[in-house]
């Protein structure tokens, strides 16, 4: 009742203001409650801002297509048009993953933004962990098994990029 799209995640602030969509929520929180002495999650300056938005958009594109075609659209796979329609969407998803693998490791730093850990790093790291965990989850979680049938491949360069972050205290705290 609080969020008309009835999607997750959604956020309700102290004043009752409700927001949906993880990107919108993180933008709002970054501006409404800036962390003292910490870099912005969404940098607003030049190249850093453009790169953070680009990486976040590529991650969203890859994940949205993987999730849509591996879950809610999956029952349509027996339709004659499935191959053409899903093929185009999945080519886009793989192209997004490949573009991330080409760009992010070539930055010469461990974070997407020069200013440090950003929303793009969070989005990318979470996506990599999600893709890497699919085989382990597939035997007991039908959606994971279905997503695996789509043929998307996580480029090795992205896993190597994530390796630089796996032992960070904040990242380790998330897996407890």
C-alpha atoms as a PDB file:
ATOM      1  CA  UNK A   1       0.000   0.000   0.000  1.00  0.00           C
ATOM      2  CA  UNK A   2       2.940   2.352   0.570  1.00  0.00           C
ATOM      3  CA  UNK A   3       4.529   1.896  -2.863  1.00  0.00           C
ATOM      4  CA  UNK A   4       2.126   1.820  -5.828  1.00  0.00           C
ATOM      5  CA  UNK A   5       4.364  -0.369  -8.020  1.00  0.00           C
ATOM      6  CA  UNK A   6       4.408  -3.025  -5.288  1.00  0.00           C
ATOM      7  CA  UNK A   7       8.011  -3.933  -6.067  1.00  0.00           C
ATOM      8  CA  UNK A   8      11.022  -4.559  -3.900  1.00  0.00           C
ATOM      9  CA  UNK A   9      13.005  -2.911  -2.624  1.00  0.00           C
ATOM     10  CA  UNK A  10      11.160   0.082  -1.348  1.00  0.00           C
ATOM     11  CA  UNK A  11      12.089   2.536   1.364  1.00  0.00           C
ATOM     12  CA  UNK A  12       9.968   4.598   3.721  1.00  0.00           C
ATOM     13  CA  UNK A  13      11.730   7.536   5.357  1.00  0.00           C
ATOM     14  CA  UNK A  14      10.935   8.927   8.807  1.00  0.00           C
ATOM     15  CA  UNK A  15       8.610  11.512   7.284  1.00  0.00           C
ATOM     16  CA  UNK A  16       6.565   8.829   5.501  1.00  0.00           C
ATOM     17  CA  UNK A  17       8.072   9.504   2.066  1.00  0.00           C
ATOM     18  CA  UNK A  18       8.149   6.235   0.111  1.00  0.00           C
ATOM     19  CA  UNK A  19      10.553   5.417  -2.723  1.00  0.00           C
ATOM     20  CA  UNK A  20      11.001   2.327  -4.837  1.00  0.00           C
ATOM     21  CA  UNK A  21      13.862   1.136  -7.052  1.00  0.00           C
ATOM     22  CA  UNK A  22      17.286   0.524  -5.580  1.00  0.00           C
ATOM     23  CA  UNK A  23      18.908   3.220  -7.704  1.00  0.00           C
ATOM     24  CA  UNK A  24      16.421   5.894  -6.657  1.00  0.00           C
ATOM     25  CA  UNK A  25      16.652   4.827  -3.014  1.00  0.00           C
ATOM     26  CA  UNK A  26      20.445   4.970  -2.990  1.00  0.00           C
ATOM     27  CA  UNK A  27      20.435   8.388  -4.702  1.00  0.00           C
ATOM     28  CA  UNK A  28      18.003   9.718  -2.121  1.00  0.00           C
ATOM     29  CA  UNK A  29      19.924   8.311   0.852  1.00  0.00           C
ATOM     30  CA  UNK A  30      23.242   9.577  -0.536  1.00  0.00           C
ATOM     31  CA  UNK A  31      21.865  13.117  -0.711  1.00  0.00           C
ATOM     32  CA  UNK A  32      19.531  13.165   2.294  1.00  0.00           C
ATOM     33  CA  UNK A  33      21.965  11.474   4.693  1.00  0.00           C
ATOM     34  CA  UNK A  34      25.523  12.079   3.453  1.00  0.00           C
ATOM     35  CA  UNK A  35      28.146  10.154   5.372  1.00  0.00           C
ATOM     36  CA  UNK A  36      30.657  12.497   6.993  1.00  0.00           C
ATOM     37  CA  UNK A  37      34.179  12.153   5.593  1.00  0.00           C
ATOM     38  CA  UNK A  38      33.148   9.447   3.132  1.00  0.00           C
ATOM     39  CA  UNK A  39      32.942   9.608  -0.648  1.00  0.00           C
ATOM     40  CA  UNK A  40      29.513   9.970  -2.214  1.00  0.00           C
ATOM     41  CA  UNK A  41      27.885   6.779  -3.436  1.00  0.00           C
ATOM     42  CA  UNK A  42      26.917   8.682  -6.573  1.00  0.00           C
ATOM     43  CA  UNK A  43      29.707  11.147  -7.449  1.00  0.00           C
ATOM     44  CA  UNK A  44      28.471  14.303  -9.123  1.00  0.00           C
ATOM     45  CA  UNK A  45      31.689  15.434 -10.777  1.00  0.00           C
ATOM     46  CA  UNK A  46      32.596  14.838 -14.435  1.00  0.00           C
ATOM     47  CA  UNK A  47      34.282  11.593 -15.386  1.00  0.00           C
ATOM     48  CA  UNK A  48      33.619   9.874 -12.061  1.00  0.00           C
ATOM     49  CA  UNK A  49      29.881  10.569 -12.308  1.00  0.00           C
ATOM     50  CA  UNK A  50      29.673   9.415 -15.921  1.00  0.00           C
ATOM     51  CA  UNK A  51      31.575   6.191 -15.245  1.00  0.00           C
ATOM     52  CA  UNK A  52      29.582   5.334 -12.108  1.00  0.00           C
ATOM     53  CA  UNK A  53      26.296   5.824 -13.970  1.00  0.00           C
ATOM     54  CA  UNK A  54      27.580   3.813 -16.957  1.00  0.00           C
ATOM     55  CA  UNK A  55      28.679   0.865 -14.818  1.00  0.00           C
ATOM     56  CA  UNK A  56      25.449   0.874 -12.790  1.00  0.00           C
ATOM     57  CA  UNK A  57      23.365   0.963 -16.000  1.00  0.00           C
ATOM     58  CA  UNK A  58      25.320  -1.930 -17.548  1.00  0.00           C
ATOM     59  CA  UNK A  59      24.903  -3.999 -14.376  1.00  0.00           C
ATOM     60  CA  UNK A  60      21.172  -3.232 -14.286  1.00  0.00           C
ATOM     61  CA  UNK A  61      20.812  -4.177 -17.952  1.00  0.00           C
ATOM     62  CA  UNK A  62      22.553  -7.515 -17.506  1.00  0.00           C
ATOM     63  CA  UNK A  63      20.699  -8.417 -14.303  1.00  0.00           C
ATOM     64  CA  UNK A  64      17.273  -7.252 -15.453  1.00  0.00           C
ATOM     65  CA  UNK A  65      17.418  -9.376 -18.593  1.00  0.00           C
ATOM     66  CA  UNK A  66      18.803 -12.407 -16.747  1.00  0.00           C
ATOM     67  CA  UNK A  67      16.120 -12.198 -14.079  1.00  0.00           C
ATOM     68  CA  UNK A  68      13.250 -11.395 -16.453  1.00  0.00           C
ATOM     69  CA  UNK A  69      14.030 -14.195 -18.912  1.00  0.00           C
ATOM     70  CA  UNK A  70      15.021 -16.697 -16.244  1.00  0.00           C
ATOM     71  CA  UNK A  71      11.965 -16.146 -14.031  1.00  0.00           C
ATOM     72  CA  UNK A  72       8.799 -14.311 -15.022  1.00  0.00           C
ATOM     73  CA  UNK A  73       9.166 -14.783 -18.807  1.00  0.00           C
ATOM     74  CA  UNK A  74      10.602 -18.311 -18.565  1.00  0.00           C
ATOM     75  CA  UNK A  75       7.185 -20.038 -18.867  1.00  0.00           C
ATOM     76  CA  UNK A  76       6.964 -18.574 -22.401  1.00  0.00           C
ATOM     77  CA  UNK A  77      10.050 -20.521 -23.572  1.00  0.00           C
ATOM     78  CA  UNK A  78       7.916 -23.002 -25.547  1.00  0.00           C
ATOM     79  CA  UNK A  79       6.499 -20.223 -27.734  1.00  0.00           C
ATOM     80  CA  UNK A  80       7.806 -20.042 -31.312  1.00  0.00           C
ATOM     81  CA  UNK A  81       9.084 -16.499 -30.797  1.00  0.00           C
ATOM     82  CA  UNK A  82      11.051 -17.313 -27.612  1.00  0.00           C
ATOM     83  CA  UNK A  83      14.381 -17.810 -29.355  1.00  0.00           C
ATOM     84  CA  UNK A  84      14.238 -14.552 -31.292  1.00  0.00           C
ATOM     85  CA  UNK A  85      12.944 -12.436 -28.433  1.00  0.00           C
ATOM     86  CA  UNK A  86      15.031 -13.930 -25.644  1.00  0.00           C
ATOM     87  CA  UNK A  87      18.061 -14.155 -27.927  1.00  0.00           C
ATOM     88  CA  UNK A  88      18.141 -10.412 -28.491  1.00  0.00           C
ATOM     89  CA  UNK A  89      17.671  -9.606 -24.805  1.00  0.00           C
ATOM     90  CA  UNK A  90      20.305 -12.125 -23.737  1.00  0.00           C
ATOM     91  CA  UNK A  91      22.789 -10.838 -26.347  1.00  0.00           C
ATOM     92  CA  UNK A  92      22.339  -7.407 -24.764  1.00  0.00           C
ATOM     93  CA  UNK A  93      22.856  -8.849 -21.290  1.00  0.00           C
ATOM     94  CA  UNK A  94      26.034 -10.645 -22.353  1.00  0.00           C
ATOM     95  CA  UNK A  95      27.244  -7.522 -24.173  1.00  0.00           C
ATOM     96  CA  UNK A  96      26.774  -5.553 -20.951  1.00  0.00           C
ATOM     97  CA  UNK A  97      28.793  -8.120 -18.971  1.00  0.00           C
ATOM     98  CA  UNK A  98      31.514  -8.155 -21.631  1.00  0.00           C
ATOM     99  CA  UNK A  99      31.652  -4.344 -21.690  1.00  0.00           C
ATOM    100  CA  UNK A 100      32.027  -4.293 -17.905  1.00  0.00           C
ATOM    101  CA  UNK A 101      34.816  -6.876 -18.126  1.00  0.00           C
ATOM    102  CA  UNK A 102      36.617  -4.750 -20.706  1.00  0.00           C
ATOM    103  CA  UNK A 103      36.246  -1.440 -18.896  1.00  0.00           C
ATOM    104  CA  UNK A 104      36.411  -1.952 -15.151  1.00  0.00           C
ATOM    105  CA  UNK A 105      39.647  -3.988 -14.891  1.00  0.00           C
ATOM    106  CA  UNK A 106      41.357  -1.554 -17.267  1.00  0.00           C
ATOM    107  CA  UNK A 107      40.823   1.420 -14.931  1.00  0.00           C
ATOM    108  CA  UNK A 108      44.070   0.755 -13.104  1.00  0.00           C
ATOM    109  CA  UNK A 109      42.445   1.066  -9.675  1.00  0.00           C
ATOM    110  CA  UNK A 110      40.342  -1.181  -7.480  1.00  0.00           C
ATOM    111  CA  UNK A 111      37.265   1.064  -7.478  1.00  0.00           C
ATOM    112  CA  UNK A 112      35.159   2.401 -10.326  1.00  0.00           C
ATOM    113  CA  UNK A 113      35.225   5.999  -9.083  1.00  0.00           C
ATOM    114  CA  UNK A 114      38.500   7.764  -8.346  1.00  0.00           C
ATOM    115  CA  UNK A 115      36.961   8.947  -5.084  1.00  0.00           C
ATOM    116  CA  UNK A 116      36.579   5.370  -3.809  1.00  0.00           C
ATOM    117  CA  UNK A 117      33.877   2.776  -3.253  1.00  0.00           C
ATOM    118  CA  UNK A 118      30.702   3.926  -5.026  1.00  0.00           C
ATOM    119  CA  UNK A 119      27.244   2.663  -5.901  1.00  0.00           C
ATOM    120  CA  UNK A 120      28.714   1.257  -9.120  1.00  0.00           C
ATOM    121  CA  UNK A 121      31.185  -0.858  -7.128  1.00  0.00           C
ATOM    122  CA  UNK A 122      28.354  -2.141  -4.950  1.00  0.00           C
ATOM    123  CA  UNK A 123      26.132  -2.914  -7.933  1.00  0.00           C
ATOM    124  CA  UNK A 124      28.956  -4.656  -9.789  1.00  0.00           C
ATOM    125  CA  UNK A 125      30.246  -6.641  -6.828  1.00  0.00           C
ATOM    126  CA  UNK A 126      26.732  -7.806  -5.915  1.00  0.00           C
ATOM    127  CA  UNK A 127      26.050  -8.841  -9.521  1.00  0.00           C
ATOM    128  CA  UNK A 128      29.282 -10.812  -9.724  1.00  0.00           C
ATOM    129  CA  UNK A 129      28.520 -12.601  -6.455  1.00  0.00           C
ATOM    130  CA  UNK A 130      24.990 -13.307  -7.681  1.00  0.00           C
ATOM    131  CA  UNK A 131      26.154 -14.806 -11.001  1.00  0.00           C
ATOM    132  CA  UNK A 132      28.897 -16.816  -9.288  1.00  0.00           C
ATOM    133  CA  UNK A 133      26.409 -18.270  -6.779  1.00  0.00           C
ATOM    134  CA  UNK A 134      23.913 -19.542  -9.373  1.00  0.00           C
ATOM    135  CA  UNK A 135      25.451 -23.031  -9.808  1.00  0.00           C
ATOM    136  CA  UNK A 136      25.490 -23.625  -6.050  1.00  0.00           C
ATOM    137  CA  UNK A 137      21.880 -22.476  -5.648  1.00  0.00           C
ATOM    138  CA  UNK A 138      20.482 -24.203  -8.756  1.00  0.00           C
ATOM    139  CA  UNK A 139      19.837 -27.657  -7.172  1.00  0.00           C
ATOM    140  CA  UNK A 140      17.478 -26.195  -4.574  1.00  0.00           C
ATOM    141  CA  UNK A 141      16.244 -22.982  -6.217  1.00  0.00           C
ATOM    142  CA  UNK A 142      14.366 -23.395  -9.506  1.00  0.00           C
ATOM    143  CA  UNK A 143      14.867 -19.791 -10.612  1.00  0.00           C
ATOM    144  CA  UNK A 144      18.650 -20.145 -10.324  1.00  0.00           C
ATOM    145  CA  UNK A 145      18.498 -23.297 -12.450  1.00  0.00           C
ATOM    146  CA  UNK A 146      16.318 -21.550 -15.014  1.00  0.00           C
ATOM    147  CA  UNK A 147      18.639 -18.537 -15.206  1.00  0.00           C
ATOM    148  CA  UNK A 148      21.574 -20.880 -15.775  1.00  0.00           C
ATOM    149  CA  UNK A 149      19.841 -22.311 -18.862  1.00  0.00           C
ATOM    150  CA  UNK A 150      20.016 -18.884 -20.506  1.00  0.00           C
ATOM    151  CA  UNK A 151      23.697 -19.333 -21.310  1.00  0.00           C
ATOM    152  CA  UNK A 152      25.010 -16.079 -19.870  1.00  0.00           C
ATOM    153  CA  UNK A 153      28.694 -16.249 -18.959  1.00  0.00           C
ATOM    154  CA  UNK A 154      30.324 -14.096 -16.331  1.00  0.00           C
ATOM    155  CA  UNK A 155      33.638 -12.945 -17.834  1.00  0.00           C
ATOM    156  CA  UNK A 156      36.676 -14.037 -15.819  1.00  0.00           C
ATOM    157  CA  UNK A 157      37.916 -10.434 -15.653  1.00  0.00           C
ATOM    158  CA  UNK A 158      34.932  -9.506 -13.505  1.00  0.00           C
ATOM    159  CA  UNK A 159      35.614 -12.299 -11.024  1.00  0.00           C
ATOM    160  CA  UNK A 160      39.232 -11.150 -10.813  1.00  0.00           C
ATOM    161  CA  UNK A 161      38.059  -7.570 -10.214  1.00  0.00           C
ATOM    162  CA  UNK A 162      35.771  -8.820  -7.405  1.00  0.00           C
ATOM    163  CA  UNK A 163      38.677 -10.727  -5.832  1.00  0.00           C
ATOM    164  CA  UNK A 164      40.205  -7.372  -4.832  1.00  0.00           C
ATOM    165  CA  UNK A 165      37.115  -6.689  -2.714  1.00  0.00           C
ATOM    166  CA  UNK A 166      36.143 -10.035  -1.199  1.00  0.00           C
ATOM    167  CA  UNK A 167      38.272  -9.604   1.942  1.00  0.00           C
ATOM    168  CA  UNK A 168      37.244  -6.019   2.700  1.00  0.00           C
ATOM    169  CA  UNK A 169      35.652  -5.824   6.170  1.00  0.00           C
ATOM    170  CA  UNK A 170      32.456  -4.199   4.851  1.00  0.00           C
ATOM    171  CA  UNK A 171      32.065  -6.879   2.183  1.00  0.00           C
ATOM    172  CA  UNK A 172      32.785  -9.719   4.596  1.00  0.00           C
ATOM    173  CA  UNK A 173      30.206  -8.297   7.005  1.00  0.00           C
ATOM    174  CA  UNK A 174      27.534  -8.739   4.359  1.00  0.00           C
ATOM    175  CA  UNK A 175      28.079 -12.482   4.105  1.00  0.00           C
ATOM    176  CA  UNK A 176      27.681 -13.207   7.808  1.00  0.00           C
END
